[in-house]
Amino acid sequence: MRLLLLRHAKSDWGDQELADIDRPLNSRGKSAAITMARYLREQKLLPNVILCSTAQRTRETLARLMPHLPQEAHIELMSDLYWQSEDSYATLISKHGGRAQNVMVIGHNPATEDTALDLVGTSAPDVLSDLEEKYPTAALAVIDFDFSDWSELAPGTGHLERFVKPRDLQSEK
C-alpha cells in the first residue's frame, strides 16, 4: 500500500478580504501543481483514492492533477481535511482508504507534514532529513506500507520512499 501526501500548491494572499478557505492558487502555485502532476504520471504514482480538502487552493491543486491521473480514481472532497489541518490526517486515511492500493491526500500544513513524520518508521537518512527540514507547498511524500487495509494504519509503520518538491523537478530540466 502506498500513501501520497501532497501539500496544496502555493496560494494567493493578494485579497485580504477572502476567508482563508477561499484563497486560490497564485501563478507559481498553478505552475507547481502541473509540474507535480506530470511527475506523478511519469513515475506512475497514480492514486486509486484521492482525499482532498474542500479549501479552494486544494481543489485547484486537484484540478491541475486530474488531466494527468487515471479517470477511475475515487475522489472525496472532505471538509475535515481543512478543519483538522492542525492535527494528523491518519484517522481520516484509516477510515476512508479502504483497500485502495494507492491513496493520495491533498491537504494543508502542519497536518500534512505531521502525518508524514508520524507514519514514517524507516527511510534513507537524507530523505527523512529533507522532509524534517521543511514541507513546502506542492511537496509530495511517498510512504509505503506492508498491510492490506488502511484501517491497519499506525504510527511508525511506513517507509518514506521519497520526498519530492517542485523546485527539485524544475532544476532537473
Protein backbone atom coordinates (compact mmCIF):
# COMPACT_ATOMS: atom_id res chain seq x y z
CA MET A 1 0.00 0.00 0.00
CA ARG A 2 1.22 3.47 -0.82
CA LEU A 3 0.30 6.88 0.62
CA LEU A 4 0.89 10.03 -1.41
CA LEU A 5 0.81 13.09 0.86
CA LEU A 6 0.61 16.23 -1.27
CA ARG A 7 0.55 19.66 0.28
CA HIS A 8 -1.54 22.10 -1.77
CA ALA A 9 0.33 24.36 -4.18
CA LYS A 10 1.18 27.98 -3.33
CA SER A 11 -1.85 30.14 -2.64
CA ASP A 12 -2.57 33.79 -3.35
CA TRP A 13 -2.60 36.17 -0.39
CA GLY A 14 -3.41 39.24 -2.54
CA ASP A 15 -7.06 39.67 -1.47
CA GLN A 16 -7.11 40.25 2.29
CA GLU A 17 -10.92 40.18 2.24
CA LEU A 18 -11.03 36.48 1.31
CA ALA A 19 -11.56 33.92 4.04
CA ASP A 20 -8.61 31.51 4.38
CA ILE A 21 -10.64 28.61 2.96
CA ASP A 22 -11.40 30.66 -0.19
CA ARG A 23 -7.82 31.59 -1.15
CA PRO A 24 -6.99 30.45 -4.71
CA LEU A 25 -3.63 29.38 -6.13
CA ASN A 26 -1.23 32.04 -7.33
CA SER A 27 0.58 31.73 -10.68
CA ARG A 28 3.58 29.97 -9.11
CA GLY A 29 1.22 27.53 -7.41
CA LYS A 30 -0.58 26.76 -10.67
CA SER A 31 2.73 26.02 -12.36
CA ALA A 32 3.98 23.87 -9.45
CA ALA A 33 0.76 21.83 -9.41
CA ILE A 34 1.20 20.99 -13.10
CA THR A 35 4.87 20.11 -12.52
CA MET A 36 3.84 17.70 -9.76
CA ALA A 37 1.02 16.26 -11.90
CA ARG A 38 3.46 15.42 -14.67
CA TYR A 39 5.84 13.88 -12.14
CA LEU A 40 3.06 11.70 -10.72
CA ARG A 41 2.19 10.45 -14.20
CA GLU A 42 5.81 9.88 -15.28
CA GLN A 43 6.62 8.00 -12.07
CA LYS A 44 3.35 6.02 -12.21
CA LEU A 45 2.34 7.35 -8.79
CA LEU A 46 -1.34 7.05 -9.64
CA PRO A 47 -3.88 7.09 -6.81
CA ASN A 48 -6.96 4.89 -6.65
CA VAL A 49 -8.47 7.10 -3.95
CA ILE A 50 -7.95 10.85 -3.53
CA LEU A 51 -8.95 12.59 -0.31
CA CYS A 52 -8.92 16.34 -0.91
CA SER A 53 -9.65 19.25 1.41
CA THR A 54 -12.57 21.46 0.44
CA ALA A 55 -10.42 24.62 0.52
CA GLN A 56 -10.20 26.48 -2.79
CA ARG A 57 -6.40 26.04 -3.07
CA THR A 58 -6.57 22.26 -2.58
CA ARG A 59 -9.40 21.88 -5.09
CA GLU A 60 -7.45 23.97 -7.61
CA THR A 61 -4.38 21.79 -6.99
CA LEU A 62 -6.51 18.69 -7.62
CA ALA A 63 -7.97 20.23 -10.81
CA ARG A 64 -4.44 20.61 -12.22
CA LEU A 65 -3.61 16.99 -11.36
CA MET A 66 -6.72 15.47 -12.92
CA PRO A 67 -5.71 15.56 -16.62
CA HIS A 68 -2.61 13.51 -15.67
CA LEU A 69 -4.30 10.93 -13.43
CA PRO A 70 -6.43 7.87 -14.22
CA GLN A 71 -10.09 8.67 -14.61
CA GLU A 72 -11.14 5.79 -12.37
CA ALA A 73 -9.69 7.37 -9.21
CA HIS A 74 -12.33 7.79 -6.50
CA ILE A 75 -12.32 11.38 -5.18
CA GLU A 76 -13.68 12.52 -1.84
CA LEU A 77 -13.78 16.21 -1.00
CA MET A 78 -13.51 16.40 2.78
CA SER A 79 -14.01 19.48 4.94
CA ASP A 80 -12.32 17.58 7.79
CA LEU A 81 -9.01 17.85 5.93
CA TYR A 82 -9.32 21.63 6.16
CA TRP A 83 -10.71 21.90 9.67
CA GLN A 84 -8.27 19.33 11.08
CA SER A 85 -5.26 20.90 9.41
CA GLU A 86 -3.62 21.31 12.82
CA ASP A 87 -3.88 17.54 13.50
CA SER A 88 -2.65 14.37 11.83
CA TYR A 89 -4.70 13.02 8.94
CA ALA A 90 -4.06 9.40 9.93
CA THR A 91 -7.57 8.81 11.29
CA LEU A 92 -9.18 10.09 8.09
CA ILE A 93 -6.86 7.97 5.92
CA SER A 94 -7.58 4.90 8.04
CA LYS A 95 -11.33 5.49 7.81
CA HIS A 96 -11.59 6.36 4.10
CA GLY A 97 -8.71 4.48 2.43
CA GLY A 98 -10.32 1.05 2.49
CA ARG A 99 -8.31 -1.44 0.43
CA ALA A 100 -7.11 1.08 -2.17
CA GLN A 101 -3.56 0.31 -3.27
CA ASN A 102 -2.62 3.99 -3.62
CA VAL A 103 -4.24 6.73 -1.54
CA MET A 104 -3.49 10.41 -2.11
CA VAL A 105 -4.26 13.15 0.40
CA ILE A 106 -4.23 16.77 -0.79
CA GLY A 107 -4.14 18.85 2.35
CA HIS A 108 -2.55 21.57 4.43
CA ASN A 109 0.31 22.12 6.81
CA PRO A 110 1.09 21.40 9.53
CA ALA A 111 -1.13 18.32 9.22
CA THR A 112 0.49 17.03 6.02
CA GLU A 113 3.98 17.24 7.49
CA ASP A 114 2.88 15.92 10.90
CA THR A 115 1.12 12.96 9.28
CA ALA A 116 4.22 12.06 7.27
CA LEU A 117 6.52 12.32 10.28
CA ASP A 118 4.08 10.35 12.44
CA LEU A 119 3.73 7.47 9.98
CA VAL A 120 7.35 7.09 8.86
CA GLY A 121 9.26 4.34 10.62
CA THR A 122 12.10 3.88 8.13
CA SER A 123 13.73 5.99 5.46
CA ALA A 124 17.01 6.82 3.87
CA PRO A 125 18.54 9.38 6.27
CA ASP A 126 18.89 12.14 3.66
CA VAL A 127 15.26 11.76 2.54
CA LEU A 128 13.94 11.99 6.11
CA SER A 129 16.14 14.97 6.97
CA ASP A 130 14.85 16.75 3.85
CA LEU A 131 11.25 16.18 4.97
CA GLU A 132 12.04 17.28 8.53
CA GLU A 133 13.68 20.48 7.31
CA LYS A 134 10.61 21.87 5.54
CA TYR A 135 7.44 20.64 3.79
CA PRO A 136 6.93 23.37 1.17
CA THR A 137 3.81 23.92 -0.90
CA ALA A 138 3.18 21.28 -3.59
CA ALA A 139 5.71 18.91 -1.98
CA LEU A 140 4.96 15.18 -2.07
CA ALA A 141 5.86 12.47 0.44
CA VAL A 142 5.56 8.89 -0.84
CA ILE A 143 5.18 6.44 2.04
CA ASP A 144 4.92 2.66 1.58
CA PHE A 145 3.21 0.26 4.00
CA ASP A 146 3.07 -3.50 4.39
CA PHE A 147 -0.63 -4.17 5.08
CA SER A 148 -3.77 -4.80 3.05
CA ASP A 149 -6.29 -2.37 4.53
CA TRP A 150 -5.85 1.25 5.58
CA SER A 151 -7.66 0.50 8.85
CA GLU A 152 -4.32 -1.07 9.92
CA LEU A 153 -2.53 2.29 9.63
CA ALA A 154 -0.42 3.03 12.71
CA PRO A 155 2.39 5.41 13.69
CA GLY A 156 5.87 4.39 12.60
CA THR A 157 4.73 1.64 10.22
CA GLY A 158 5.61 3.33 6.93
CA HIS A 159 8.74 3.59 4.82
CA LEU A 160 9.40 7.05 3.37
CA GLU A 161 10.22 6.04 -0.19
CA ARG A 162 10.81 9.61 -1.43
CA PHE A 163 10.14 13.27 -0.76
CA VAL A 164 9.81 15.48 -3.83
CA LYS A 165 9.48 19.25 -4.15
CA PRO A 166 8.52 21.11 -7.35
CA ARG A 167 11.78 23.10 -7.32
CA ASP A 168 13.75 19.83 -7.36
CA LEU A 169 11.95 18.81 -10.56
CA GLN A 170 12.31 22.20 -12.21
CA SER A 171 16.08 22.18 -11.57
CA GLU A 172 16.35 18.79 -13.34
CA LYS A 173 15.18 20.26 -16.66
